[in-house]
Amino acid sequence: MFVFLQVIDKSKLDDISRAHLFQEVRCMKLVQHPNVVRLYEVIDTQTKLYLILELGDGGDLYDYIMKHDAGLSEQEACFYFSQVLSLCFGACSA
C-alpha cells in the first residue's frame, strides 16, 4: 500500500475556506468507494492539517475527459456518471 501526505497550511485560509476544508475532510472520512481516493488519517495541529491519503496515481476524471478532444462516447460517459452517482448515493446513505 502506498500513501500520499498532503500538508495544508491553515494560517493561509480565511474562515470560510477553513470551514469548507473541514466539511470536505468530514465527507472524505465517510466515503469508502473503490473509485475514490481513501482518507486514512487526519493530523490537525495549530497551523497545519496533515492528510494521509491513498495514493491514486491514475489521474482524475477531469484530466481523462480533457484528453479526449471529441469528448467521451455516450456509453463511456454513462459508465463514469453511474460511478459518480453510486458514490453520491452511497455517501448519503452512510
N, C-alpha and C. Protein backbone atom coordinates (compact mmCIF):
# COMPACT_ATOMS: atom_id res chain seq x y z
N MET A 1 0.85 -1.18 0.00
CA MET A 1 0.00 0.00 0.00
C MET A 1 0.90 1.24 0.00
N PHE A 2 0.59 2.17 -0.87
CA PHE A 2 1.31 3.43 -0.93
C PHE A 2 0.37 4.55 -0.50
N VAL A 3 0.93 5.53 0.22
CA VAL A 3 0.12 6.65 0.68
C VAL A 3 0.73 7.96 0.22
N PHE A 4 -0.07 8.99 0.31
CA PHE A 4 0.31 10.34 -0.08
C PHE A 4 0.03 11.24 1.12
N LEU A 5 0.97 12.09 1.47
CA LEU A 5 0.79 13.03 2.57
C LEU A 5 0.53 14.42 1.99
N GLN A 6 -0.63 14.96 2.30
CA GLN A 6 -0.96 16.32 1.87
C GLN A 6 -0.89 17.22 3.09
N VAL A 7 -0.13 18.29 2.98
CA VAL A 7 0.03 19.24 4.08
C VAL A 7 -0.66 20.54 3.68
N ILE A 8 -1.58 20.99 4.52
CA ILE A 8 -2.33 22.22 4.25
C ILE A 8 -2.00 23.22 5.34
N ASP A 9 -1.57 24.40 4.92
CA ASP A 9 -1.24 25.47 5.86
C ASP A 9 -2.53 26.21 6.20
N LYS A 10 -3.06 25.96 7.40
CA LYS A 10 -4.34 26.57 7.80
C LYS A 10 -4.23 28.08 7.99
N SER A 11 -3.04 28.57 8.27
CA SER A 11 -2.88 30.01 8.51
C SER A 11 -3.14 30.83 7.24
N LYS A 12 -3.11 30.19 6.08
CA LYS A 12 -3.34 30.90 4.82
C LYS A 12 -4.81 30.87 4.39
N LEU A 13 -5.67 30.26 5.21
CA LEU A 13 -7.08 30.12 4.87
C LEU A 13 -7.93 31.14 5.63
N ASP A 14 -8.91 31.72 4.95
CA ASP A 14 -9.87 32.56 5.67
C ASP A 14 -10.89 31.65 6.35
N ASP A 15 -11.78 32.24 7.13
CA ASP A 15 -12.73 31.44 7.92
C ASP A 15 -13.64 30.58 7.05
N ILE A 16 -14.09 31.10 5.92
CA ILE A 16 -14.98 30.35 5.04
C ILE A 16 -14.23 29.18 4.41
N SER A 17 -13.02 29.43 3.93
CA SER A 17 -12.21 28.35 3.34
C SER A 17 -11.90 27.28 4.37
N ARG A 18 -11.62 27.69 5.58
CA ARG A 18 -11.33 26.73 6.64
C ARG A 18 -12.55 25.86 6.95
N ALA A 19 -13.73 26.48 6.98
CA ALA A 19 -14.97 25.73 7.23
C ALA A 19 -15.22 24.73 6.09
N HIS A 20 -15.00 25.17 4.85
CA HIS A 20 -15.18 24.27 3.70
C HIS A 20 -14.18 23.11 3.76
N LEU A 21 -12.96 23.40 4.13
CA LEU A 21 -11.94 22.37 4.23
C LEU A 21 -12.35 21.30 5.25
N PHE A 22 -12.80 21.72 6.42
CA PHE A 22 -13.16 20.76 7.45
C PHE A 22 -14.43 19.99 7.07
N GLN A 23 -15.33 20.63 6.34
CA GLN A 23 -16.51 19.91 5.84
C GLN A 23 -16.09 18.84 4.84
N GLU A 24 -15.16 19.17 3.95
CA GLU A 24 -14.67 18.20 2.98
C GLU A 24 -13.96 17.04 3.66
N VAL A 25 -13.18 17.33 4.69
CA VAL A 25 -12.49 16.27 5.42
C VAL A 25 -13.51 15.35 6.09
N ARG A 26 -14.57 15.92 6.67
CA ARG A 26 -15.61 15.09 7.29
C ARG A 26 -16.25 14.17 6.25
N CYS A 27 -16.52 14.70 5.07
CA CYS A 27 -17.11 13.89 3.99
C CYS A 27 -16.14 12.80 3.54
N MET A 28 -14.87 13.16 3.40
CA MET A 28 -13.88 12.18 2.96
C MET A 28 -13.75 11.03 3.94
N LYS A 29 -13.92 11.30 5.23
CA LYS A 29 -13.86 10.25 6.23
C LYS A 29 -14.99 9.24 6.05
N LEU A 30 -16.15 9.72 5.58
CA LEU A 30 -17.32 8.86 5.41
C LEU A 30 -17.27 8.02 4.15
N VAL A 31 -16.64 8.54 3.11
CA VAL A 31 -16.68 7.89 1.80
C VAL A 31 -15.68 6.74 1.73
N GLN A 32 -16.19 5.57 1.43
CA GLN A 32 -15.33 4.42 1.17
C GLN A 32 -15.87 3.77 -0.10
N HIS A 33 -15.23 4.09 -1.20
CA HIS A 33 -15.67 3.64 -2.52
C HIS A 33 -14.42 3.24 -3.30
N PRO A 34 -14.50 2.17 -4.10
CA PRO A 34 -13.29 1.73 -4.81
C PRO A 34 -12.76 2.73 -5.83
N ASN A 35 -13.58 3.69 -6.26
CA ASN A 35 -13.14 4.65 -7.27
C ASN A 35 -12.80 6.01 -6.68
N VAL A 36 -12.65 6.06 -5.37
CA VAL A 36 -12.34 7.33 -4.71
C VAL A 36 -11.13 7.13 -3.80
N VAL A 37 -10.20 8.06 -3.87
CA VAL A 37 -9.02 8.01 -3.01
C VAL A 37 -9.48 8.04 -1.56
N ARG A 38 -8.95 7.14 -0.77
CA ARG A 38 -9.39 6.99 0.62
C ARG A 38 -8.54 7.85 1.55
N LEU A 39 -9.20 8.45 2.51
CA LEU A 39 -8.54 9.22 3.56
C LEU A 39 -8.29 8.29 4.74
N TYR A 40 -7.01 8.05 5.07
CA TYR A 40 -6.68 7.14 6.15
C TYR A 40 -6.57 7.82 7.50
N GLU A 41 -5.97 9.00 7.52
CA GLU A 41 -5.69 9.64 8.80
C GLU A 41 -5.65 11.15 8.63
N VAL A 42 -6.06 11.86 9.68
CA VAL A 42 -6.00 13.32 9.72
C VAL A 42 -5.25 13.72 10.98
N ILE A 43 -4.25 14.57 10.80
CA ILE A 43 -3.50 15.11 11.94
C ILE A 43 -3.66 16.62 11.89
N ASP A 44 -4.31 17.15 12.91
CA ASP A 44 -4.64 18.57 12.95
C ASP A 44 -3.78 19.24 14.02
N THR A 45 -2.91 20.16 13.59
CA THR A 45 -2.08 20.92 14.52
C THR A 45 -2.56 22.37 14.52
N GLN A 46 -1.89 23.21 15.27
CA GLN A 46 -2.29 24.61 15.37
C GLN A 46 -2.28 25.31 14.00
N THR A 47 -1.26 25.04 13.20
CA THR A 47 -1.12 25.77 11.93
C THR A 47 -1.26 24.90 10.68
N LYS A 48 -1.16 23.59 10.84
CA LYS A 48 -1.17 22.70 9.67
C LYS A 48 -2.22 21.60 9.83
N LEU A 49 -2.69 21.13 8.68
CA LEU A 49 -3.56 19.97 8.63
C LEU A 49 -2.87 18.95 7.73
N TYR A 50 -2.61 17.77 8.28
CA TYR A 50 -1.94 16.71 7.54
C TYR A 50 -2.97 15.65 7.19
N LEU A 51 -3.08 15.35 5.90
CA LEU A 51 -4.00 14.32 5.43
C LEU A 51 -3.18 13.17 4.86
N ILE A 52 -3.40 11.98 5.38
CA ILE A 52 -2.74 10.79 4.86
C ILE A 52 -3.76 10.08 3.98
N LEU A 53 -3.48 10.08 2.68
CA LEU A 53 -4.41 9.59 1.68
C LEU A 53 -3.85 8.40 0.93
N GLU A 54 -4.74 7.61 0.39
CA GLU A 54 -4.35 6.54 -0.52
C GLU A 54 -3.73 7.19 -1.76
N LEU A 55 -2.65 6.61 -2.24
CA LEU A 55 -2.02 7.15 -3.44
C LEU A 55 -2.83 6.73 -4.65
N GLY A 56 -3.36 7.70 -5.36
CA GLY A 56 -4.11 7.45 -6.58
C GLY A 56 -3.34 8.05 -7.74
N ASP A 57 -2.48 7.27 -8.34
CA ASP A 57 -1.59 7.81 -9.36
C ASP A 57 -2.15 7.68 -10.77
N GLY A 58 -3.42 7.34 -10.91
CA GLY A 58 -4.00 7.17 -12.24
C GLY A 58 -4.57 8.45 -12.82
N GLY A 59 -4.49 9.56 -12.11
CA GLY A 59 -5.06 10.81 -12.60
C GLY A 59 -6.50 10.95 -12.16
N ASP A 60 -7.11 12.06 -12.54
CA ASP A 60 -8.51 12.26 -12.16
C ASP A 60 -9.41 12.29 -13.39
N LEU A 61 -10.70 12.23 -13.15
CA LEU A 61 -11.68 12.13 -14.23
C LEU A 61 -11.64 13.35 -15.15
N TYR A 62 -11.47 14.53 -14.57
CA TYR A 62 -11.43 15.75 -15.38
C TYR A 62 -10.28 15.68 -16.40
N ASP A 63 -9.10 15.31 -15.94
CA ASP A 63 -7.95 15.20 -16.85
C ASP A 63 -8.19 14.15 -17.92
N TYR A 64 -8.83 13.05 -17.55
CA TYR A 64 -9.12 11.98 -18.50
C TYR A 64 -10.07 12.49 -19.60
N ILE A 65 -11.10 13.22 -19.20
CA ILE A 65 -12.06 13.76 -20.17
C ILE A 65 -11.37 14.77 -21.08
N MET A 66 -10.53 15.62 -20.52
CA MET A 66 -9.88 16.67 -21.30
C MET A 66 -8.89 16.11 -22.32
N LYS A 67 -8.42 14.88 -22.13
CA LYS A 67 -7.51 14.26 -23.09
C LYS A 67 -8.23 13.86 -24.37
N HIS A 68 -9.54 13.78 -24.32
CA HIS A 68 -10.34 13.36 -25.48
C HIS A 68 -10.94 14.60 -26.14
N ASP A 69 -10.35 15.03 -27.26
CA ASP A 69 -10.79 16.26 -27.93
C ASP A 69 -12.26 16.20 -28.31
N ALA A 70 -12.72 15.04 -28.74
CA ALA A 70 -14.12 14.90 -29.17
C ALA A 70 -15.04 14.57 -28.00
N GLY A 71 -14.51 14.51 -26.80
CA GLY A 71 -15.31 14.12 -25.64
C GLY A 71 -15.40 12.61 -25.53
N LEU A 72 -16.14 12.15 -24.55
CA LEU A 72 -16.32 10.73 -24.36
C LEU A 72 -17.53 10.24 -25.14
N SER A 73 -17.53 8.97 -25.48
CA SER A 73 -18.72 8.41 -26.11
C SER A 73 -19.85 8.41 -25.09
N GLU A 74 -21.07 8.31 -25.57
CA GLU A 74 -22.21 8.31 -24.65
C GLU A 74 -22.13 7.11 -23.70
N GLN A 75 -21.72 5.98 -24.22
CA GLN A 75 -21.62 4.77 -23.40
C GLN A 75 -20.57 4.96 -22.29
N GLU A 76 -19.43 5.53 -22.67
CA GLU A 76 -18.37 5.74 -21.68
C GLU A 76 -18.79 6.79 -20.65
N ALA A 77 -19.44 7.86 -21.11
CA ALA A 77 -19.91 8.90 -20.19
C ALA A 77 -20.94 8.34 -19.22
N CYS A 78 -21.84 7.49 -19.70
CA CYS A 78 -22.84 6.86 -18.83
C CYS A 78 -22.17 5.99 -17.78
N PHE A 79 -21.14 5.27 -18.18
CA PHE A 79 -20.42 4.41 -17.24
C PHE A 79 -19.83 5.25 -16.10
N TYR A 80 -19.12 6.32 -16.44
CA TYR A 80 -18.49 7.15 -15.41
C TYR A 80 -19.53 7.89 -14.57
N PHE A 81 -20.61 8.34 -15.21
CA PHE A 81 -21.66 9.04 -14.48
C PHE A 81 -22.33 8.11 -13.47
N SER A 82 -22.53 6.86 -13.86
CA SER A 82 -23.13 5.90 -12.92
C SER A 82 -22.20 5.65 -11.73
N GLN A 83 -20.89 5.67 -11.96
CA GLN A 83 -19.93 5.53 -10.87
C GLN A 83 -20.03 6.71 -9.89
N VAL A 84 -20.17 7.92 -10.45
CA VAL A 84 -20.30 9.11 -9.61
C VAL A 84 -21.59 9.04 -8.80
N LEU A 85 -22.69 8.65 -9.45
CA LEU A 85 -23.97 8.55 -8.74
C LEU A 85 -23.92 7.50 -7.64
N SER A 86 -23.28 6.37 -7.91
CA SER A 86 -23.20 5.34 -6.87
C SER A 86 -22.43 5.85 -5.67
N LEU A 87 -21.43 6.67 -5.91
CA LEU A 87 -20.68 7.28 -4.82
C LEU A 87 -21.58 8.23 -4.04
N CYS A 88 -22.31 9.09 -4.75
CA CYS A 88 -23.16 10.09 -4.09
C CYS A 88 -24.24 9.41 -3.25
N PHE A 89 -24.92 8.44 -3.81
CA PHE A 89 -25.99 7.78 -3.06
C PHE A 89 -25.43 6.93 -1.94
N GLY A 90 -24.27 6.35 -2.14
CA GLY A 90 -23.65 5.58 -1.07
C GLY A 90 -23.26 6.46 0.10
N ALA A 91 -22.73 7.65 -0.19
CA ALA A 91 -22.32 8.57 0.87
C ALA A 91 -23.53 9.13 1.61
N CYS A 92 -24.62 9.36 0.88
CA CYS A 92 -25.83 9.91 1.51
C CYS A 92 -26.48 8.91 2.44
N SER A 93 -26.34 7.63 2.15
CA SER A 93 -26.99 6.62 2.98
C SER A 93 -26.10 6.19 4.15
N ALA A 94 -24.86 6.65 4.16
CA ALA A 94 -23.93 6.23 5.24
C ALA A 94 -24.22 6.95 6.53
